[in-house]
Protein backbone atom coordinates (compact mmCIF):
# COMPACT_ATOMS: atom_id res chain seq x y z
CA UNK A 1 19.44 2.42 34.90
CA UNK A 2 18.03 5.90 34.35
CA UNK A 3 14.41 6.63 33.57
CA UNK A 4 13.05 9.15 31.10
CA UNK A 5 14.24 7.50 27.89
CA UNK A 6 12.39 6.81 24.65
CA UNK A 7 11.51 3.27 23.62
CA UNK A 8 11.17 2.97 19.86
CA UNK A 9 9.36 -0.03 18.37
CA UNK A 10 9.70 -0.49 14.60
CA UNK A 11 7.08 -3.06 13.59
CA UNK A 12 7.62 -5.11 10.46
CA UNK A 13 5.81 -8.06 8.96
CA UNK A 14 8.20 -10.59 10.50
CA UNK A 15 10.00 -8.78 13.31
CA UNK A 16 9.91 -5.84 15.68
CA UNK A 17 13.14 -3.88 16.10
CA UNK A 18 13.41 -1.97 19.36
CA UNK A 19 15.74 0.73 20.63
CA UNK A 20 15.88 2.40 24.01
CA UNK A 21 17.64 5.78 23.98
CA UNK A 22 18.39 8.29 26.68
CA UNK A 23 15.84 11.08 26.69
CA UNK A 24 18.49 13.80 26.79
CA UNK A 25 20.32 13.04 23.53
CA UNK A 26 20.02 15.43 20.61
CA UNK A 27 22.28 13.66 18.12
CA UNK A 28 22.03 10.10 16.85
CA UNK A 29 22.24 8.05 20.05
CA UNK A 30 24.08 4.93 20.90
CA UNK A 31 21.13 2.92 22.18
CA UNK A 32 21.00 1.80 25.77
CA UNK A 33 19.25 -1.34 24.56
CA UNK A 34 18.78 -2.69 21.06
CA UNK A 35 17.12 -5.87 19.89
CA UNK A 36 14.71 -7.68 17.64
CA UNK A 37 11.75 -9.91 18.43
CA UNK A 38 9.33 -11.83 16.23
CA UNK A 39 6.19 -9.92 15.32
CA UNK A 40 3.27 -11.57 17.15
CA UNK A 41 0.62 -12.41 14.56
CA UNK A 42 -2.42 -12.97 16.79
CA UNK A 43 -2.19 -10.15 19.33
CA UNK A 44 0.47 -7.65 18.27
CA UNK A 45 -0.56 -5.14 20.93
CA UNK A 46 0.18 -7.69 23.63
CA UNK A 47 3.44 -8.53 21.89
CA UNK A 48 4.51 -4.88 21.97
CA UNK A 49 3.53 -4.67 25.64
CA UNK A 50 5.70 -7.72 26.30
CA UNK A 51 8.70 -6.03 24.68
CA UNK A 52 8.14 -2.94 26.83
CA UNK A 53 7.95 -5.16 29.91
CA UNK A 54 11.15 -6.94 28.87
CA UNK A 55 12.89 -3.57 28.64
CA UNK A 56 11.60 -2.63 32.08
CA UNK A 57 12.99 -5.91 33.35
CA UNK A 58 16.49 -4.56 32.70
CA UNK A 59 15.85 -1.71 35.14
CA UNK A 60 14.94 0.90 32.52
CA UNK A 61 11.75 2.93 32.75
CA UNK A 62 10.97 4.59 29.41
CA UNK A 63 9.00 7.82 29.66
CA UNK A 64 7.38 7.39 26.27
CA UNK A 65 6.96 4.79 23.54
CA UNK A 66 6.88 5.46 19.81
CA UNK A 67 5.68 2.74 17.42
CA UNK A 68 6.21 2.77 13.65
CA UNK A 69 3.75 0.76 11.58
CA UNK A 70 3.88 -0.35 7.92
CA UNK A 71 0.60 0.88 6.53
CA UNK A 72 -1.93 3.67 6.76
CA UNK A 73 -1.76 5.45 10.10
CA UNK A 74 -3.81 8.27 11.56
CA UNK A 75 -0.92 9.83 13.44
CA UNK A 76 -3.10 12.45 15.11
CA UNK A 77 -5.27 9.79 16.77
CA UNK A 78 -2.50 7.21 17.09
CA UNK A 79 -4.61 4.70 15.20
CA UNK A 80 -3.72 2.08 12.61
CA UNK A 81 -6.18 2.24 9.73
CA UNK A 82 -4.76 -0.59 7.66
CA UNK A 83 -1.55 -2.61 7.68
CA UNK A 84 -1.11 -5.22 4.97
CA UNK A 85 1.94 -6.71 6.69
CA UNK A 86 0.34 -6.82 10.16
CA UNK A 87 -3.39 -7.21 9.44
CA UNK A 88 -4.21 -7.93 13.10
CA UNK A 89 -3.60 -4.21 13.71
CA UNK A 90 -6.20 -3.02 11.21
CA UNK A 91 -8.64 -0.50 12.75
CA UNK A 92 -6.74 -0.49 16.05
CA UNK A 93 -6.46 2.62 18.28
CA UNK A 94 -2.91 1.52 19.02
CA UNK A 95 -1.74 4.53 21.04
CA UNK A 96 -4.74 4.20 23.34
CA UNK A 97 -4.55 0.42 23.75
CA UNK A 98 -0.79 0.12 24.19
CA UNK A 99 -0.74 3.19 26.43
CA UNK A 100 -3.39 1.62 28.67
CA UNK A 101 -1.43 -1.65 28.93
CA UNK A 102 1.94 -0.01 29.64
CA UNK A 103 0.98 3.15 31.49
CA UNK A 104 3.27 5.14 29.20
CA UNK A 105 2.32 7.77 26.57
CA UNK A 106 2.41 6.21 23.10
CA UNK A 107 2.86 7.82 19.68
CA UNK A 108 2.15 5.93 16.45
CA UNK A 109 3.72 6.87 13.12
CA UNK A 110 4.05 5.44 9.62
CA UNK A 111 7.23 3.39 9.17
CA UNK A 112 8.23 5.21 5.99
CA UNK A 113 7.94 8.55 7.78
CA UNK A 114 10.04 7.20 10.64
CA UNK A 115 12.80 6.05 8.31
CA UNK A 116 12.70 9.33 6.40
CA UNK A 117 13.08 11.63 9.40
CA UNK A 118 16.00 9.61 10.75
CA UNK A 119 17.81 9.57 7.40
CA UNK A 120 17.22 13.32 7.07
CA UNK A 121 18.45 14.14 10.58
CA UNK A 122 21.00 11.44 11.46
CA UNK A 123 21.68 9.66 8.19
CA UNK A 124 22.66 10.52 4.64
CA UNK A 125 20.61 13.72 4.58
CA UNK A 126 22.19 15.25 7.67
CA UNK A 127 23.10 18.89 7.13
CA UNK A 128 20.27 19.55 4.66
CA UNK A 129 17.06 21.31 5.67
CA UNK A 130 15.11 19.91 2.70
CA UNK A 131 15.45 16.18 2.00
CA UNK A 132 13.44 13.76 -0.10
CA UNK A 133 13.89 10.16 1.04
CA UNK A 134 13.09 7.47 -1.51
CA UNK A 135 12.95 3.75 -0.69
CA UNK A 136 13.32 1.28 -3.56
CA UNK A 137 12.02 -2.19 -2.82
CA UNK A 138 8.96 -4.28 -3.59
CA UNK A 139 7.16 -0.96 -3.78
CA UNK A 140 8.50 2.57 -4.11
CA UNK A 141 7.92 4.78 -1.07
CA UNK A 142 8.88 8.41 -0.62
CA UNK A 143 8.70 11.15 1.97
CA UNK A 144 9.61 14.83 1.84
CA UNK A 145 11.27 16.04 5.04
CA UNK A 146 11.61 19.77 5.64
CA UNK A 147 13.40 20.99 8.77
CA UNK A 148 12.98 17.62 10.40
CA UNK A 149 9.25 17.21 9.71
CA UNK A 150 7.59 15.06 7.07
CA UNK A 151 5.36 17.08 4.73
CA UNK A 152 2.36 14.71 4.52
CA UNK A 153 0.09 16.66 2.17
CA UNK A 154 -3.54 17.57 2.78
CA UNK A 155 -4.63 13.92 2.92
CA UNK A 156 -1.45 12.26 4.17
CA UNK A 157 -0.45 10.75 0.82
CA UNK A 158 2.28 13.13 -0.39
CA UNK A 159 5.56 11.70 -1.61
CA UNK A 160 4.18 8.63 -3.41
CA UNK A 161 6.71 8.83 -6.22
CA UNK A 162 6.15 5.16 -7.02
CA UNK A 163 2.79 6.04 -8.54
CA UNK A 164 3.72 8.74 -10.99
CA UNK A 165 3.31 7.62 -14.59
CA UNK A 166 6.57 6.74 -16.32
CA UNK A 167 5.27 4.62 -19.20
CA UNK A 168 1.75 5.69 -20.29
CA UNK A 169 -0.29 2.60 -21.14
CA UNK A 170 2.33 0.33 -19.57
CA UNK A 171 1.91 -2.55 -17.14
CA UNK A 172 -0.90 -2.49 -14.59
CA UNK A 173 0.30 -1.31 -11.20
CA UNK A 174 -0.88 -2.54 -7.80
CA UNK A 175 -2.70 0.78 -7.45
CA UNK A 176 -4.83 -0.02 -10.51
CA UNK A 177 -3.26 2.47 -12.91
CA UNK A 178 -0.82 1.70 -15.72
CA UNK A 179 2.82 2.54 -16.21
CA UNK A 180 3.65 3.72 -12.68
CA UNK A 181 7.28 3.88 -11.59
CA UNK A 182 6.72 0.75 -9.50
CA UNK A 183 5.97 -1.22 -12.69
CA UNK A 184 9.38 -0.22 -14.04
CA UNK A 185 11.71 -0.36 -11.05
CA UNK A 186 9.84 -2.19 -8.27
CA UNK A 187 11.49 -5.45 -7.26
CA UNK A 188 8.79 -7.71 -8.79
CA UNK A 189 8.94 -5.78 -12.07
CA UNK A 190 12.73 -6.06 -12.20
CA UNK A 191 12.61 -9.79 -11.45
CA UNK A 192 10.04 -10.34 -14.21
CA UNK A 193 12.05 -8.31 -16.73
CA UNK A 194 15.21 -10.20 -15.80
CA UNK A 195 13.53 -13.57 -16.32
CA UNK A 196 12.13 -12.38 -19.66
CA UNK A 197 15.68 -11.46 -20.68
CA UNK A 198 16.83 -15.01 -19.93
CA UNK A 199 18.18 -14.44 -16.44
CA UNK A 200 17.48 -16.40 -13.27
CA UNK A 201 16.85 -15.27 -9.72
CA UNK A 202 15.66 -11.86 -8.57
CA UNK A 203 16.93 -8.27 -8.45
CA UNK A 204 20.02 -9.21 -6.44
CA UNK A 205 21.13 -11.64 -9.15
CA UNK A 206 20.22 -9.10 -11.83
CA UNK A 207 22.44 -6.41 -10.30
CA UNK A 208 25.25 -8.92 -9.78
CA UNK A 209 25.05 -9.93 -13.44
CA UNK A 210 25.10 -6.27 -14.45
CA UNK A 211 28.28 -5.78 -12.44
CA UNK A 212 29.82 -8.75 -14.25
CA UNK A 213 29.12 -7.17 -17.64
CA UNK A 214 26.02 -9.11 -18.76
CA UNK A 215 24.44 -7.44 -21.80
CA UNK A 216 21.02 -8.86 -20.90
CA UNK A 217 21.28 -7.48 -17.37
CA UNK A 218 22.47 -4.12 -18.71
CA UNK A 219 19.35 -3.81 -20.84
CA UNK A 220 17.06 -4.39 -17.85
CA UNK A 221 19.02 -2.24 -15.38
CA UNK A 222 19.44 0.68 -17.78
CA UNK A 223 15.72 0.69 -18.61
CA UNK A 224 14.88 0.78 -14.91
CA UNK A 225 17.43 3.54 -14.28
CA UNK A 226 15.94 5.63 -17.09
CA UNK A 227 12.55 5.35 -15.42
CA UNK A 228 14.01 6.42 -12.09
CA UNK A 229 15.77 9.33 -13.81
CA UNK A 230 12.44 10.58 -15.19
CA UNK A 231 10.94 10.33 -11.71
CA UNK A 232 13.87 12.31 -10.29
CA UNK A 233 13.36 15.05 -12.89
CA UNK A 234 9.66 15.21 -12.01
CA UNK A 235 10.53 15.38 -8.32
CA UNK A 236 13.01 18.19 -8.90
CA UNK A 237 10.49 20.14 -10.96
CA UNK A 238 7.77 19.86 -8.32
CA UNK A 239 9.66 19.85 -5.01
CA UNK A 240 13.22 21.10 -5.70
CA UNK A 241 14.75 19.16 -2.77
CA UNK A 242 18.15 20.03 -1.35
CA UNK A 243 19.15 16.36 -1.19
CA UNK A 244 17.69 13.06 -2.39
CA UNK A 245 18.43 10.03 -0.21
CA UNK A 246 17.80 6.66 -1.85
CA UNK A 247 17.42 3.58 0.31
CA UNK A 248 15.74 0.19 0.27
CA UNK A 249 17.03 -3.16 -0.92
CA UNK A 250 17.39 -2.09 -4.55
CA UNK A 251 19.62 0.83 -3.57
CA UNK A 252 22.07 -1.27 -1.56
CA UNK A 253 25.70 -1.47 -2.64
CA UNK A 254 26.76 -1.77 -5.38
CA UNK A 255 24.69 1.30 -6.26
CA UNK A 256 24.28 0.59 -9.97
CA UNK A 257 20.67 1.73 -10.24
CA UNK A 258 21.19 4.90 -8.24
CA UNK A 259 24.36 6.02 -10.04
CA UNK A 260 22.92 5.30 -13.50
CA UNK A 261 19.71 7.16 -12.68
CA UNK A 262 21.63 10.12 -11.28
CA UNK A 263 23.79 10.38 -14.41
CA UNK A 264 20.75 10.08 -16.71
CA UNK A 265 18.84 12.73 -14.78
CA UNK A 266 21.77 15.13 -14.93
CA UNK A 267 22.18 14.55 -18.67
CA UNK A 268 18.48 15.24 -19.35
CA UNK A 269 18.00 18.18 -17.00
CA UNK A 270 17.06 21.54 -18.50
CA UNK A 271 15.97 24.05 -15.85
CA UNK A 272 16.06 21.37 -13.16
CA UNK A 273 18.58 21.66 -10.38
CA UNK A 274 19.70 18.13 -9.61
CA UNK A 275 20.76 17.95 -5.95
CA UNK A 276 23.08 15.48 -4.31
CA UNK A 277 21.62 11.98 -4.76
CA UNK A 278 23.11 9.73 -2.10
CA UNK A 279 22.56 6.21 -0.73
CA UNK A 280 20.83 5.89 2.62
CA UNK A 281 23.10 5.43 5.62
CA UNK A 282 21.05 3.80 8.39
CA UNK A 283 20.03 0.59 6.65
CA UNK A 284 17.32 -1.58 8.17
CA UNK A 285 17.43 0.32 11.47
CA UNK A 286 16.34 3.65 9.96
CA UNK A 287 12.74 3.15 11.08
CA UNK A 288 13.77 2.31 14.65
CA UNK A 289 15.99 5.39 14.86
CA UNK A 290 13.09 7.41 13.47
CA UNK A 291 10.83 6.32 16.30
CA UNK A 292 13.43 7.49 18.82
CA UNK A 293 13.83 10.80 17.00
CA UNK A 294 10.08 11.34 17.05
CA UNK A 295 9.98 10.52 20.76
CA UNK A 296 12.70 13.05 21.49
CA UNK A 297 10.76 15.68 19.52
CA UNK A 298 7.59 14.86 21.47
CA UNK A 299 9.54 15.20 24.72
CA UNK A 300 10.78 18.66 23.74
CA UNK A 301 7.24 19.77 22.86
CA UNK A 302 6.03 18.52 26.24
CA UNK A 303 8.57 20.59 28.16
CA UNK A 304 7.02 23.51 30.10
């Protein structure tokens, strides 16, 4: 098997997805290897080294490794500052340590950034130079991608749409403030609102009940969609993206929340230019594809 490929490792709280792609591809690749392994809790660096060694055991010899991490990452140093889902990686110079154990150059990026660049380049945002990628789940994560690069802001925290105020004086958010978008449309908030309305189960059951015509579910879903619509209008006023890609578990088909929010935003817009608002295309593998994409970009930069 040829050498010179990129090994992407997308680290999650429970599993690590890995892709090995040929280093010459410029469009979304069909991976040479693709798999998933349990995230090692005690020594995740050793676990990642073991995956790299497993890949080498097939005859492949990746020229570089890119790791995406859920949490705060110093991408310039390749260090993990804090990862709630993988706390054993806190304060770890991951690029240095994994590079030393594998003998391969290592890049470390934030998992949300990885997913965003892949959706912008190879997913639902393909064809647009300016894409905002929004992930709806337990929390609300966002990233602005311009010409294939995430715009991180001066302190690396740009795109946090989940923490703009939607309901002043509303529920306390995990960030400590009140009325953030996450308190309106985050999965825990939706589940709580659904139970208060007399429903059972979580967001999946809520959206199913909405599709079946439940009035109680409609009240909860429409309130959440109105909050998302206000966030979209704010985003359009500040960023004016060419395309908004919405992913995450809450945006999965059927796309009730996304379509309702899009319609509400369009109805309320004044000067705002509402772009195409589309569901994400790469699903749970977006982060893994993003690691490969970043590795290919690094390889091009390294060319003489």
